[in-house]
Amino acid sequence: MLTCKDATRLCSEALDRPLTLRERLTLRAHLLICTGCTRYNEQMAALRRIAARFADGGFARPDGETDADGGNGSEGK
């Protein structure tokens, strides 16, 4: 059985590379019984999605501008 330290390491690595069958199975078994690591895995996946969306210019500023508009966020200050 994996320790939480090993499980969180595999959760992080799974975002960057395909896990082996053995790694996937042992991680899945650990996540079935460990709510802390399950939450960590969900949060890491959410952070990855948010970062990708931000990098693609998918977040608008409160004034409606995005980085794609060429603004630097200091307009009107």
N, C-alpha and C. Protein backbone atom coordinates (compact mmCIF):
# COMPACT_ATOMS: atom_id res chain seq x y z
N MET A 1 0.85 -1.18 0.00
CA MET A 1 0.00 0.00 0.00
C MET A 1 0.89 1.25 0.00
N LEU A 2 0.46 2.26 -0.71
CA LEU A 2 1.22 3.51 -0.79
C LEU A 2 1.08 4.32 0.49
N THR A 3 2.11 5.08 0.79
CA THR A 3 1.99 6.10 1.83
C THR A 3 1.36 7.33 1.19
N CYS A 4 0.87 8.24 2.02
CA CYS A 4 0.30 9.47 1.48
C CYS A 4 1.36 10.28 0.72
N LYS A 5 2.58 10.26 1.20
CA LYS A 5 3.67 10.96 0.51
C LYS A 5 3.87 10.40 -0.89
N ASP A 6 3.89 9.08 -1.02
CA ASP A 6 4.04 8.46 -2.33
C ASP A 6 2.82 8.71 -3.22
N ALA A 7 1.64 8.69 -2.61
CA ALA A 7 0.41 8.89 -3.38
C ALA A 7 0.36 10.31 -3.95
N THR A 8 0.70 11.31 -3.14
CA THR A 8 0.66 12.69 -3.65
C THR A 8 1.73 12.90 -4.72
N ARG A 9 2.87 12.24 -4.57
CA ARG A 9 3.90 12.31 -5.62
C ARG A 9 3.37 11.75 -6.93
N LEU A 10 2.69 10.61 -6.85
CA LEU A 10 2.13 10.00 -8.07
C LEU A 10 1.02 10.87 -8.66
N CYS A 11 0.21 11.49 -7.80
CA CYS A 11 -0.83 12.39 -8.30
C CYS A 11 -0.21 13.51 -9.13
N SER A 12 0.87 14.07 -8.62
CA SER A 12 1.57 15.14 -9.33
C SER A 12 2.20 14.63 -10.62
N GLU A 13 2.84 13.49 -10.54
CA GLU A 13 3.49 12.93 -11.73
C GLU A 13 2.47 12.56 -12.81
N ALA A 14 1.28 12.15 -12.40
CA ALA A 14 0.25 11.76 -13.37
C ALA A 14 -0.18 12.93 -14.24
N LEU A 15 0.04 14.16 -13.77
CA LEU A 15 -0.30 15.33 -14.57
C LEU A 15 0.73 15.58 -15.66
N ASP A 16 1.93 15.01 -15.49
CA ASP A 16 3.02 15.27 -16.43
C ASP A 16 3.43 14.09 -17.30
N ARG A 17 3.06 12.90 -16.86
CA ARG A 17 3.44 11.71 -17.64
C ARG A 17 2.42 10.60 -17.39
N PRO A 18 2.32 9.68 -18.33
CA PRO A 18 1.43 8.53 -18.10
C PRO A 18 2.02 7.64 -17.00
N LEU A 19 1.18 7.22 -16.07
CA LEU A 19 1.62 6.30 -15.03
C LEU A 19 1.60 4.88 -15.57
N THR A 20 2.46 4.05 -15.01
CA THR A 20 2.44 2.63 -15.38
C THR A 20 1.16 2.00 -14.83
N LEU A 21 0.83 0.84 -15.32
CA LEU A 21 -0.36 0.14 -14.84
C LEU A 21 -0.27 -0.08 -13.33
N ARG A 22 0.87 -0.51 -12.87
CA ARG A 22 1.05 -0.75 -11.43
C ARG A 22 0.86 0.54 -10.63
N GLU A 23 1.44 1.64 -11.10
CA GLU A 23 1.28 2.92 -10.41
C GLU A 23 -0.18 3.35 -10.37
N ARG A 24 -0.87 3.21 -11.51
CA ARG A 24 -2.29 3.59 -11.56
C ARG A 24 -3.12 2.78 -10.59
N LEU A 25 -2.89 1.48 -10.55
CA LEU A 25 -3.69 0.61 -9.68
C LEU A 25 -3.42 0.89 -8.21
N THR A 26 -2.15 1.05 -7.85
CA THR A 26 -1.86 1.31 -6.44
C THR A 26 -2.34 2.69 -6.01
N LEU A 27 -2.24 3.67 -6.91
CA LEU A 27 -2.75 5.01 -6.59
C LEU A 27 -4.26 4.98 -6.45
N ARG A 28 -4.94 4.32 -7.36
CA ARG A 28 -6.40 4.23 -7.29
C ARG A 28 -6.84 3.57 -5.99
N ALA A 29 -6.16 2.50 -5.59
CA ALA A 29 -6.50 1.82 -4.33
C ALA A 29 -6.31 2.76 -3.14
N HIS A 30 -5.24 3.52 -3.16
CA HIS A 30 -4.99 4.46 -2.07
C HIS A 30 -6.06 5.55 -2.03
N LEU A 31 -6.41 6.08 -3.20
CA LEU A 31 -7.41 7.14 -3.26
C LEU A 31 -8.79 6.67 -2.81
N LEU A 32 -9.07 5.38 -2.94
CA LEU A 32 -10.35 4.85 -2.48
C LEU A 32 -10.49 4.91 -0.96
N ILE A 33 -9.37 4.87 -0.25
CA ILE A 33 -9.45 4.85 1.20
C ILE A 33 -8.96 6.13 1.88
N CYS A 34 -8.35 7.03 1.14
CA CYS A 34 -7.75 8.22 1.74
C CYS A 34 -8.40 9.49 1.20
N THR A 35 -9.23 10.12 2.02
CA THR A 35 -9.92 11.33 1.56
C THR A 35 -8.96 12.51 1.40
N GLY A 36 -7.92 12.57 2.22
CA GLY A 36 -6.95 13.66 2.10
C GLY A 36 -6.24 13.64 0.76
N CYS A 37 -5.78 12.48 0.35
CA CYS A 37 -5.09 12.37 -0.94
C CYS A 37 -6.06 12.54 -2.10
N THR A 38 -7.31 12.11 -1.92
CA THR A 38 -8.32 12.32 -2.96
C THR A 38 -8.54 13.81 -3.17
N ARG A 39 -8.65 14.56 -2.08
CA ARG A 39 -8.81 16.02 -2.19
C ARG A 39 -7.59 16.65 -2.84
N TYR A 40 -6.41 16.20 -2.45
CA TYR A 40 -5.18 16.71 -3.05
C TYR A 40 -5.19 16.48 -4.56
N ASN A 41 -5.55 15.29 -4.98
CA ASN A 41 -5.59 14.94 -6.40
C ASN A 41 -6.58 15.84 -7.15
N GLU A 42 -7.75 16.06 -6.57
CA GLU A 42 -8.75 16.92 -7.20
C GLU A 42 -8.26 18.36 -7.28
N GLN A 43 -7.61 18.84 -6.22
CA GLN A 43 -7.10 20.21 -6.22
C GLN A 43 -5.98 20.41 -7.23
N MET A 44 -5.10 19.43 -7.35
CA MET A 44 -4.03 19.53 -8.34
C MET A 44 -4.58 19.56 -9.76
N ALA A 45 -5.59 18.74 -10.02
CA ALA A 45 -6.21 18.73 -11.35
C ALA A 45 -6.90 20.07 -11.62
N ALA A 46 -7.56 20.63 -10.61
CA ALA A 46 -8.23 21.92 -10.77
C ALA A 46 -7.20 23.02 -11.02
N LEU A 47 -6.11 23.02 -10.28
CA LEU A 47 -5.06 24.02 -10.51
C LEU A 47 -4.48 23.92 -11.91
N ARG A 48 -4.30 22.72 -12.41
CA ARG A 48 -3.79 22.53 -13.76
C ARG A 48 -4.76 23.13 -14.79
N ARG A 49 -6.07 22.86 -14.61
CA ARG A 49 -7.07 23.42 -15.53
C ARG A 49 -7.10 24.94 -15.47
N ILE A 50 -7.06 25.50 -14.27
CA ILE A 50 -7.10 26.95 -14.10
C ILE A 50 -5.86 27.59 -14.71
N ALA A 51 -4.70 27.02 -14.46
CA ALA A 51 -3.46 27.58 -15.01
C ALA A 51 -3.48 27.54 -16.54
N ALA A 52 -3.97 26.46 -17.11
CA ALA A 52 -4.04 26.35 -18.57
C ALA A 52 -5.01 27.39 -19.13
N ARG A 53 -6.12 27.57 -18.44
CA ARG A 53 -7.10 28.56 -18.90
C ARG A 53 -6.51 29.97 -18.81
N PHE A 54 -5.81 30.26 -17.72
CA PHE A 54 -5.18 31.56 -17.54
C PHE A 54 -4.13 31.79 -18.62
N ALA A 55 -3.32 30.79 -18.90
CA ALA A 55 -2.27 30.91 -19.92
C ALA A 55 -2.85 31.16 -21.30
N ASP A 56 -4.05 30.66 -21.55
CA ASP A 56 -4.72 30.86 -22.84
C ASP A 56 -5.48 32.18 -22.89
N GLY A 57 -5.40 33.00 -21.84
CA GLY A 57 -6.10 34.28 -21.82
C GLY A 57 -7.58 34.13 -21.54
N GLY A 58 -7.97 33.07 -20.89
CA GLY A 58 -9.39 32.80 -20.65
C GLY A 58 -10.00 33.53 -19.47
N PHE A 59 -9.21 34.27 -18.70
CA PHE A 59 -9.76 35.00 -17.56
C PHE A 59 -9.85 36.47 -17.90
N ALA A 60 -10.99 37.07 -17.66
CA ALA A 60 -11.18 38.49 -17.90
C ALA A 60 -10.94 39.25 -16.61
N ARG A 61 -10.44 40.46 -16.74
CA ARG A 61 -10.29 41.33 -15.58
C ARG A 61 -11.66 41.89 -15.23
N PRO A 62 -11.80 42.45 -14.02
CA PRO A 62 -13.10 43.02 -13.64
C PRO A 62 -13.61 44.09 -14.59
N ASP A 63 -12.71 44.84 -15.23
CA ASP A 63 -13.14 45.88 -16.17
C ASP A 63 -13.42 45.33 -17.57
N GLY A 64 -13.33 44.00 -17.72
CA GLY A 64 -13.65 43.37 -19.00
C GLY A 64 -12.46 43.13 -19.89
N GLU A 65 -11.30 43.70 -19.56
CA GLU A 65 -10.11 43.48 -20.38
C GLU A 65 -9.51 42.12 -20.09
N THR A 66 -8.86 41.56 -21.08
CA THR A 66 -8.07 40.35 -20.88
C THR A 66 -6.64 40.68 -21.26
N ASP A 67 -5.71 39.80 -20.93
CA ASP A 67 -4.33 40.01 -21.34
C ASP A 67 -4.21 40.10 -22.85
N ALA A 68 -5.10 39.44 -23.56
CA ALA A 68 -5.07 39.46 -25.02
C ALA A 68 -5.40 40.84 -25.56
N ASP A 69 -6.06 41.71 -24.74
CA ASP A 69 -6.40 43.06 -25.17
C ASP A 69 -5.18 43.98 -25.19
N GLY A 70 -4.08 43.52 -24.61
CA GLY A 70 -2.87 44.32 -24.60
C GLY A 70 -2.76 45.25 -23.41
N GLY A 71 -3.73 45.23 -22.53
CA GLY A 71 -3.68 46.08 -21.34
C GLY A 71 -2.76 45.49 -20.30
N ASN A 72 -2.31 46.37 -19.41
CA ASN A 72 -1.43 45.88 -18.36
C ASN A 72 -2.11 45.90 -16.99
N GLY A 73 -3.38 46.22 -16.96
CA GLY A 73 -4.12 46.19 -15.71
C GLY A 73 -4.04 47.48 -14.92
N SER A 74 -3.30 48.49 -15.43
CA SER A 74 -3.16 49.73 -14.68
C SER A 74 -3.99 50.86 -15.26
N GLU A 75 -4.80 50.60 -16.26
CA GLU A 75 -5.62 51.62 -16.87
C GLU A 75 -6.62 52.15 -15.86
N GLY A 76 -6.80 53.47 -15.86
CA GLY A 76 -7.80 54.07 -15.00
C GLY A 76 -7.37 54.18 -13.55
N LYS A 77 -6.10 53.99 -13.29
CA LYS A 77 -5.61 54.08 -11.90
C LYS A 77 -4.75 55.30 -11.73
